[in-house]
Amino acid sequence: MTPPSLTIGIEEEYQIIDPETRELRSYITQFLEQGKLQLREQVKAELHQSMVEVGTEICRTPAEARTELIRLRRHVIDLAANNGLVIAAAGTHPFSSWMKQEITPFERYIGVKQDMADLAQQLLIFGTMSTSASKTASS
């Protein structure tokens, strides 16, 4: 019997930016309409419409995760470019006002907004890299 092996997954959240004003742009619902068919659950909405999240498939090695993440980054960069927008990766935006950001109109996020009120609106942060590792049993 071989010992369990580890798997890894990475999620990142990117800013959707208007290249002329450099402001955040609420555009995730359009991204999902255009890109979700190709990447199923790997491109997702988040609380604010100016945010797009990507998540790798379950990967067996760091090299596989890196390759997957590069592919996902390229995909959202291309989606943005096709719509005259750009993608940025940073923990916060330096000057876009949280008061002007639209909440994604999904039931989950509407509930968060109702439960947390202004705090949900103010929570304008972007996860720049999170990983998870889990043990899998070998057969």
N, C-alpha and C. Protein backbone atom coordinates (compact mmCIF):
# COMPACT_ATOMS: atom_id res chain seq x y z
N MET A 1 0.84 -1.18 0.00
CA MET A 1 0.00 0.00 0.00
C MET A 1 0.88 1.24 0.00
N THR A 2 0.57 2.17 -0.86
CA THR A 2 1.35 3.41 -0.92
C THR A 2 0.69 4.48 -0.05
N PRO A 3 1.50 5.41 0.47
CA PRO A 3 0.94 6.46 1.32
C PRO A 3 0.07 7.42 0.50
N PRO A 4 -0.81 8.16 1.18
CA PRO A 4 -1.65 9.11 0.46
C PRO A 4 -0.80 10.17 -0.24
N SER A 5 -1.29 10.67 -1.34
CA SER A 5 -0.59 11.73 -2.05
C SER A 5 -1.34 13.04 -1.83
N LEU A 6 -0.66 14.14 -2.10
CA LEU A 6 -1.27 15.46 -1.94
C LEU A 6 -1.73 16.00 -3.28
N THR A 7 -2.79 16.77 -3.26
CA THR A 7 -3.23 17.50 -4.44
C THR A 7 -3.23 18.98 -4.09
N ILE A 8 -3.28 19.82 -5.11
CA ILE A 8 -3.23 21.25 -4.89
C ILE A 8 -4.22 21.95 -5.81
N GLY A 9 -4.78 23.04 -5.32
CA GLY A 9 -5.66 23.88 -6.12
C GLY A 9 -5.37 25.33 -5.79
N ILE A 10 -5.50 26.19 -6.75
CA ILE A 10 -5.21 27.62 -6.55
C ILE A 10 -6.39 28.44 -7.03
N GLU A 11 -6.77 29.43 -6.23
CA GLU A 11 -7.78 30.41 -6.62
C GLU A 11 -7.15 31.79 -6.58
N GLU A 12 -7.51 32.62 -7.55
CA GLU A 12 -7.07 34.01 -7.56
C GLU A 12 -8.25 34.89 -7.96
N GLU A 13 -8.27 36.10 -7.43
CA GLU A 13 -9.29 37.08 -7.77
C GLU A 13 -8.61 38.26 -8.44
N TYR A 14 -9.16 38.67 -9.58
CA TYR A 14 -8.55 39.77 -10.34
C TYR A 14 -9.50 40.94 -10.43
N GLN A 15 -8.93 42.10 -10.60
CA GLN A 15 -9.68 43.32 -10.80
C GLN A 15 -10.00 43.48 -12.28
N ILE A 16 -11.23 43.88 -12.58
CA ILE A 16 -11.60 44.21 -13.95
C ILE A 16 -11.48 45.72 -14.06
N ILE A 17 -10.62 46.18 -14.97
CA ILE A 17 -10.23 47.60 -15.02
C ILE A 17 -10.56 48.21 -16.39
N ASP A 18 -11.05 49.44 -16.35
CA ASP A 18 -11.20 50.25 -17.56
C ASP A 18 -9.82 50.84 -17.86
N PRO A 19 -9.24 50.53 -19.03
CA PRO A 19 -7.86 50.98 -19.30
C PRO A 19 -7.71 52.49 -19.46
N GLU A 20 -8.79 53.19 -19.77
CA GLU A 20 -8.68 54.65 -19.94
C GLU A 20 -8.72 55.37 -18.60
N THR A 21 -9.69 55.02 -17.76
CA THR A 21 -9.83 55.71 -16.46
C THR A 21 -9.02 55.03 -15.37
N ARG A 22 -8.67 53.78 -15.59
CA ARG A 22 -7.98 52.93 -14.63
C ARG A 22 -8.84 52.60 -13.39
N GLU A 23 -10.14 52.90 -13.50
CA GLU A 23 -11.10 52.59 -12.44
C GLU A 23 -11.55 51.14 -12.56
N LEU A 24 -12.02 50.58 -11.43
CA LEU A 24 -12.67 49.29 -11.48
C LEU A 24 -13.92 49.39 -12.34
N ARG A 25 -14.23 48.31 -13.03
CA ARG A 25 -15.40 48.29 -13.92
C ARG A 25 -16.27 47.09 -13.58
N SER A 26 -17.52 47.31 -13.29
CA SER A 26 -18.45 46.23 -12.97
C SER A 26 -18.83 45.52 -14.26
N TYR A 27 -18.29 44.32 -14.45
CA TYR A 27 -18.46 43.65 -15.74
C TYR A 27 -18.51 42.12 -15.62
N ILE A 28 -18.56 41.57 -14.42
CA ILE A 28 -18.44 40.11 -14.28
C ILE A 28 -19.59 39.35 -14.94
N THR A 29 -20.80 39.88 -14.92
CA THR A 29 -21.90 39.12 -15.53
C THR A 29 -21.68 38.93 -17.02
N GLN A 30 -21.12 39.94 -17.69
CA GLN A 30 -20.82 39.81 -19.11
C GLN A 30 -19.69 38.79 -19.32
N PHE A 31 -18.68 38.80 -18.44
CA PHE A 31 -17.60 37.82 -18.54
C PHE A 31 -18.16 36.41 -18.46
N LEU A 32 -19.05 36.20 -17.51
CA LEU A 32 -19.60 34.86 -17.32
C LEU A 32 -20.39 34.40 -18.53
N GLU A 33 -21.14 35.30 -19.12
CA GLU A 33 -21.89 34.95 -20.32
C GLU A 33 -20.96 34.51 -21.44
N GLN A 34 -19.83 35.18 -21.59
CA GLN A 34 -18.91 34.90 -22.69
C GLN A 34 -17.93 33.77 -22.40
N GLY A 35 -17.48 33.65 -21.17
CA GLY A 35 -16.39 32.73 -20.89
C GLY A 35 -16.72 31.49 -20.12
N LYS A 36 -17.85 31.45 -19.47
CA LYS A 36 -18.13 30.32 -18.60
C LYS A 36 -18.36 29.03 -19.37
N LEU A 37 -18.89 29.12 -20.57
CA LEU A 37 -19.12 27.90 -21.34
C LEU A 37 -17.82 27.17 -21.62
N GLN A 38 -16.74 27.93 -21.83
CA GLN A 38 -15.45 27.30 -22.13
C GLN A 38 -14.78 26.73 -20.88
N LEU A 39 -14.94 27.40 -19.75
CA LEU A 39 -14.20 26.99 -18.55
C LEU A 39 -15.09 26.52 -17.40
N ARG A 40 -16.31 26.22 -17.68
CA ARG A 40 -17.25 25.72 -16.68
C ARG A 40 -17.16 26.48 -15.36
N GLU A 41 -16.77 25.82 -14.33
CA GLU A 41 -16.74 26.43 -12.99
C GLU A 41 -15.39 27.05 -12.65
N GLN A 42 -14.51 27.19 -13.59
CA GLN A 42 -13.19 27.74 -13.29
C GLN A 42 -13.15 29.26 -13.33
N VAL A 43 -14.13 29.89 -13.94
CA VAL A 43 -14.25 31.35 -13.94
C VAL A 43 -15.54 31.67 -13.21
N LYS A 44 -15.43 32.46 -12.11
CA LYS A 44 -16.58 32.68 -11.25
C LYS A 44 -16.75 34.14 -10.90
N ALA A 45 -17.95 34.47 -10.50
CA ALA A 45 -18.25 35.79 -9.96
C ALA A 45 -17.86 35.82 -8.50
N GLU A 46 -17.70 37.01 -7.99
CA GLU A 46 -17.49 37.23 -6.57
C GLU A 46 -18.47 38.31 -6.12
N LEU A 47 -18.32 38.77 -4.88
CA LEU A 47 -19.25 39.73 -4.30
C LEU A 47 -19.42 40.98 -5.16
N HIS A 48 -18.33 41.55 -5.59
CA HIS A 48 -18.38 42.77 -6.41
C HIS A 48 -18.28 42.41 -7.89
N GLN A 49 -19.03 43.11 -8.72
CA GLN A 49 -19.03 42.85 -10.15
C GLN A 49 -17.72 43.25 -10.83
N SER A 50 -16.87 43.98 -10.15
CA SER A 50 -15.59 44.38 -10.71
C SER A 50 -14.50 43.34 -10.42
N MET A 51 -14.92 42.16 -9.97
CA MET A 51 -13.98 41.11 -9.60
C MET A 51 -14.29 39.83 -10.38
N VAL A 52 -13.24 39.16 -10.84
CA VAL A 52 -13.40 37.85 -11.46
C VAL A 52 -12.48 36.88 -10.74
N GLU A 53 -13.00 35.72 -10.40
CA GLU A 53 -12.23 34.70 -9.71
C GLU A 53 -11.96 33.54 -10.65
N VAL A 54 -10.75 33.01 -10.59
CA VAL A 54 -10.43 31.78 -11.31
C VAL A 54 -9.95 30.74 -10.30
N GLY A 55 -10.18 29.49 -10.63
CA GLY A 55 -9.74 28.40 -9.77
C GLY A 55 -9.28 27.24 -10.62
N THR A 56 -8.11 26.73 -10.30
CA THR A 56 -7.57 25.61 -11.07
C THR A 56 -8.38 24.34 -10.81
N GLU A 57 -8.23 23.40 -11.69
CA GLU A 57 -8.71 22.04 -11.42
C GLU A 57 -7.83 21.47 -10.31
N ILE A 58 -8.17 20.31 -9.81
CA ILE A 58 -7.31 19.65 -8.83
C ILE A 58 -6.04 19.21 -9.55
N CYS A 59 -4.90 19.62 -9.02
CA CYS A 59 -3.61 19.32 -9.65
C CYS A 59 -2.78 18.41 -8.75
N ARG A 60 -1.96 17.60 -9.38
CA ARG A 60 -1.13 16.65 -8.63
C ARG A 60 0.24 17.22 -8.29
N THR A 61 0.72 18.21 -9.04
CA THR A 61 2.05 18.78 -8.80
C THR A 61 1.99 20.31 -8.87
N PRO A 62 2.94 20.98 -8.24
CA PRO A 62 3.00 22.44 -8.39
C PRO A 62 3.17 22.87 -9.85
N ALA A 63 3.92 22.12 -10.63
CA ALA A 63 4.11 22.46 -12.04
C ALA A 63 2.78 22.38 -12.79
N GLU A 64 1.99 21.39 -12.51
CA GLU A 64 0.67 21.26 -13.14
C GLU A 64 -0.22 22.43 -12.74
N ALA A 65 -0.19 22.82 -11.46
CA ALA A 65 -0.98 23.95 -10.98
C ALA A 65 -0.54 25.24 -11.66
N ARG A 66 0.75 25.41 -11.82
CA ARG A 66 1.28 26.61 -12.49
C ARG A 66 0.79 26.69 -13.93
N THR A 67 0.87 25.59 -14.64
CA THR A 67 0.41 25.55 -16.03
C THR A 67 -1.08 25.88 -16.12
N GLU A 68 -1.86 25.31 -15.22
CA GLU A 68 -3.30 25.55 -15.18
C GLU A 68 -3.59 27.02 -14.87
N LEU A 69 -2.88 27.59 -13.92
CA LEU A 69 -3.10 28.99 -13.54
C LEU A 69 -2.73 29.94 -14.68
N ILE A 70 -1.66 29.66 -15.38
CA ILE A 70 -1.27 30.49 -16.53
C ILE A 70 -2.36 30.43 -17.61
N ARG A 71 -2.90 29.26 -17.85
CA ARG A 71 -3.97 29.10 -18.84
C ARG A 71 -5.20 29.92 -18.43
N LEU A 72 -5.57 29.86 -17.17
CA LEU A 72 -6.74 30.61 -16.69
C LEU A 72 -6.49 32.12 -16.75
N ARG A 73 -5.30 32.55 -16.37
CA ARG A 73 -4.98 33.97 -16.46
C ARG A 73 -5.09 34.46 -17.90
N ARG A 74 -4.55 33.70 -18.81
CA ARG A 74 -4.60 34.08 -20.23
C ARG A 74 -6.05 34.18 -20.68
N HIS A 75 -6.88 33.27 -20.24
CA HIS A 75 -8.29 33.28 -20.65
C HIS A 75 -8.99 34.55 -20.17
N VAL A 76 -8.83 34.92 -18.90
CA VAL A 76 -9.53 36.12 -18.42
C VAL A 76 -8.91 37.39 -19.01
N ILE A 77 -7.63 37.38 -19.28
CA ILE A 77 -7.00 38.53 -19.96
C ILE A 77 -7.60 38.69 -21.35
N ASP A 78 -7.78 37.58 -22.07
CA ASP A 78 -8.37 37.63 -23.41
C ASP A 78 -9.84 38.07 -23.35
N LEU A 79 -10.60 37.56 -22.38
CA LEU A 79 -11.99 37.98 -22.22
C LEU A 79 -12.07 39.49 -22.00
N ALA A 80 -11.20 39.99 -21.14
CA ALA A 80 -11.18 41.43 -20.86
C ALA A 80 -10.82 42.21 -22.12
N ALA A 81 -9.77 41.79 -22.81
CA ALA A 81 -9.32 42.49 -24.01
C ALA A 81 -10.41 42.53 -25.08
N ASN A 82 -11.15 41.44 -25.22
CA ASN A 82 -12.24 41.40 -26.19
C ASN A 82 -13.34 42.41 -25.89
N ASN A 83 -13.36 42.91 -24.67
CA ASN A 83 -14.37 43.87 -24.24
C ASN A 83 -13.77 45.24 -23.91
N GLY A 84 -12.54 45.48 -24.38
CA GLY A 84 -11.90 46.76 -24.16
C GLY A 84 -11.49 47.01 -22.73
N LEU A 85 -11.28 45.95 -21.96
CA LEU A 85 -10.92 46.07 -20.55
C LEU A 85 -9.59 45.38 -20.30
N VAL A 86 -9.05 45.55 -19.11
CA VAL A 86 -7.82 44.87 -18.71
C VAL A 86 -8.03 44.23 -17.34
N ILE A 87 -7.14 43.33 -17.01
CA ILE A 87 -7.17 42.62 -15.73
C ILE A 87 -5.95 43.07 -14.93
N ALA A 88 -6.15 43.24 -13.63
CA ALA A 88 -5.04 43.57 -12.73
C ALA A 88 -5.09 42.63 -11.54
N ALA A 89 -3.93 42.31 -11.01
CA ALA A 89 -3.84 41.46 -9.82
C ALA A 89 -3.20 42.27 -8.70
N ALA A 90 -4.00 42.57 -7.69
CA ALA A 90 -3.51 43.30 -6.52
C ALA A 90 -4.51 43.08 -5.39
N GLY A 91 -4.08 43.25 -4.19
CA GLY A 91 -4.94 43.03 -3.03
C GLY A 91 -6.08 44.03 -2.91
N THR A 92 -5.85 45.27 -3.32
CA THR A 92 -6.88 46.30 -3.31
C THR A 92 -6.65 47.22 -4.51
N HIS A 93 -7.63 48.03 -4.82
CA HIS A 93 -7.47 49.02 -5.88
C HIS A 93 -7.05 50.33 -5.23
N PRO A 94 -6.08 51.05 -5.81
CA PRO A 94 -5.54 52.23 -5.14
C PRO A 94 -6.48 53.43 -5.03
N PHE A 95 -7.49 53.54 -5.92
CA PHE A 95 -8.32 54.73 -5.82
C PHE A 95 -9.80 54.55 -6.17
N SER A 96 -10.22 53.43 -6.69
CA SER A 96 -11.65 53.25 -6.97
C SER A 96 -12.43 53.24 -5.66
N SER A 97 -13.53 53.93 -5.65
CA SER A 97 -14.35 54.04 -4.44
C SER A 97 -15.20 52.80 -4.23
N TRP A 98 -15.19 52.29 -3.03
CA TRP A 98 -16.03 51.14 -2.70
C TRP A 98 -17.51 51.50 -2.82
N MET A 99 -17.85 52.78 -2.65
CA MET A 99 -19.24 53.20 -2.70
C MET A 99 -19.84 53.09 -4.11
N LYS A 100 -18.98 53.05 -5.12
CA LYS A 100 -19.46 53.00 -6.51
C LYS A 100 -19.49 51.57 -7.06
N GLN A 101 -19.09 50.59 -6.27
CA GLN A 101 -19.00 49.22 -6.77
C GLN A 101 -20.34 48.52 -6.67
N GLU A 102 -20.71 47.84 -7.74
CA GLU A 102 -21.98 47.12 -7.78
C GLU A 102 -21.79 45.71 -7.22
N ILE A 103 -22.77 45.27 -6.46
CA ILE A 103 -22.78 43.91 -5.93
C ILE A 103 -23.29 42.98 -7.03
N THR A 104 -22.68 41.83 -7.16
CA THR A 104 -23.10 40.85 -8.16
C THR A 104 -24.52 40.40 -7.84
N PRO A 105 -25.43 40.43 -8.82
CA PRO A 105 -26.85 40.17 -8.55
C PRO A 105 -27.21 38.68 -8.47
N PHE A 106 -26.44 37.93 -7.70
CA PHE A 106 -26.75 36.53 -7.46
C PHE A 106 -27.32 36.43 -6.05
N GLU A 107 -28.21 35.49 -5.83
CA GLU A 107 -28.89 35.35 -4.55
C GLU A 107 -27.91 35.33 -3.38
N ARG A 108 -26.82 34.60 -3.54
CA ARG A 108 -25.83 34.49 -2.47
C ARG A 108 -25.29 35.86 -2.06
N TYR A 109 -24.94 36.68 -3.04
CA TYR A 109 -24.33 37.98 -2.74
C TYR A 109 -25.36 39.01 -2.30
N ILE A 110 -26.59 38.89 -2.78
CA ILE A 110 -27.65 39.77 -2.31
C ILE A 110 -27.88 39.50 -0.82
N GLY A 111 -27.84 38.23 -0.43
CA GLY A 111 -27.98 37.86 0.98
C GLY A 111 -26.83 38.40 1.82
N VAL A 112 -25.62 38.32 1.30
CA VAL A 112 -24.46 38.87 2.01
C VAL A 112 -24.64 40.37 2.22
N LYS A 113 -25.07 41.06 1.18
CA LYS A 113 -25.29 42.51 1.27
C LYS A 113 -26.37 42.83 2.30
N GLN A 114 -27.46 42.05 2.32
CA GLN A 114 -28.52 42.29 3.29
C GLN A 114 -28.04 42.02 4.71
N ASP A 115 -27.27 40.95 4.89
CA ASP A 115 -26.80 40.58 6.23
C ASP A 115 -25.72 41.53 6.76
N MET A 116 -24.83 41.96 5.88
CA MET A 116 -23.68 42.75 6.33
C MET A 116 -23.79 44.24 6.02
N ALA A 117 -24.80 44.65 5.27
CA ALA A 117 -25.04 46.05 4.92
C ALA A 117 -23.80 46.70 4.32
N ASP A 118 -23.43 47.88 4.82
CA ASP A 118 -22.31 48.64 4.24
C ASP A 118 -20.98 47.89 4.35
N LEU A 119 -20.84 47.04 5.35
CA LEU A 119 -19.59 46.29 5.49
C LEU A 119 -19.32 45.43 4.26
N ALA A 120 -20.35 44.81 3.70
CA ALA A 120 -20.19 44.00 2.48
C ALA A 120 -19.73 44.89 1.33
N GLN A 121 -20.32 46.05 1.21
CA GLN A 121 -19.95 46.98 0.14
C GLN A 121 -18.50 47.43 0.28
N GLN A 122 -18.06 47.65 1.50
CA GLN A 122 -16.71 48.14 1.77
C GLN A 122 -15.64 47.06 1.60
N LEU A 123 -16.04 45.81 1.60
CA LEU A 123 -15.09 44.69 1.54
C LEU A 123 -14.55 44.52 0.12
N LEU A 124 -13.83 45.51 -0.34
CA LEU A 124 -13.31 45.53 -1.71
C LEU A 124 -11.86 45.09 -1.71
N ILE A 125 -11.66 43.79 -1.46
CA ILE A 125 -10.32 43.21 -1.45
C ILE A 125 -10.29 42.04 -2.42
N PHE A 126 -9.09 41.76 -2.92
CA PHE A 126 -8.91 40.73 -3.94
C PHE A 126 -7.88 39.72 -3.44
N GLY A 127 -8.25 38.43 -3.43
CA GLY A 127 -7.33 37.38 -3.03
C GLY A 127 -6.33 37.13 -4.14
N THR A 128 -5.05 37.41 -3.88
CA THR A 128 -4.07 37.30 -4.94
C THR A 128 -3.51 35.90 -5.10
N MET A 129 -3.64 35.04 -4.12
CA MET A 129 -3.28 33.64 -4.31
C MET A 129 -3.61 32.87 -3.07
N SER A 130 -4.43 31.87 -3.24
CA SER A 130 -4.69 30.98 -2.11
C SER A 130 -4.57 29.56 -2.64
N THR A 131 -4.02 28.73 -1.85
CA THR A 131 -3.84 27.34 -2.27
C THR A 131 -4.48 26.43 -1.25
N SER A 132 -4.82 25.28 -1.71
CA SER A 132 -5.31 24.27 -0.77
C SER A 132 -4.66 22.95 -1.17
N ALA A 133 -4.29 22.23 -0.19
CA ALA A 133 -3.71 20.90 -0.44
C ALA A 133 -4.55 19.90 0.33
N SER A 134 -4.74 18.78 -0.25
CA SER A 134 -5.49 17.74 0.45
C SER A 134 -4.86 16.39 0.16
N LYS A 135 -5.06 15.51 1.08
CA LYS A 135 -4.54 14.16 0.90
C LYS A 135 -5.56 13.35 0.14
N THR A 136 -5.06 12.55 -0.77
CA THR A 136 -5.91 11.63 -1.48
C THR A 136 -5.37 10.22 -1.27
N ALA A 137 -6.24 9.31 -1.08
CA ALA A 137 -5.81 7.93 -0.88
C ALA A 137 -5.44 7.31 -2.22
N SER A 138 -4.35 6.61 -2.23
CA SER A 138 -3.95 5.89 -3.44
C SER A 138 -4.61 4.53 -3.44
N SER A 139 -4.97 4.07 -4.62
CA SER A 139 -5.58 2.75 -4.70
C SER A 139 -4.54 1.68 -4.80
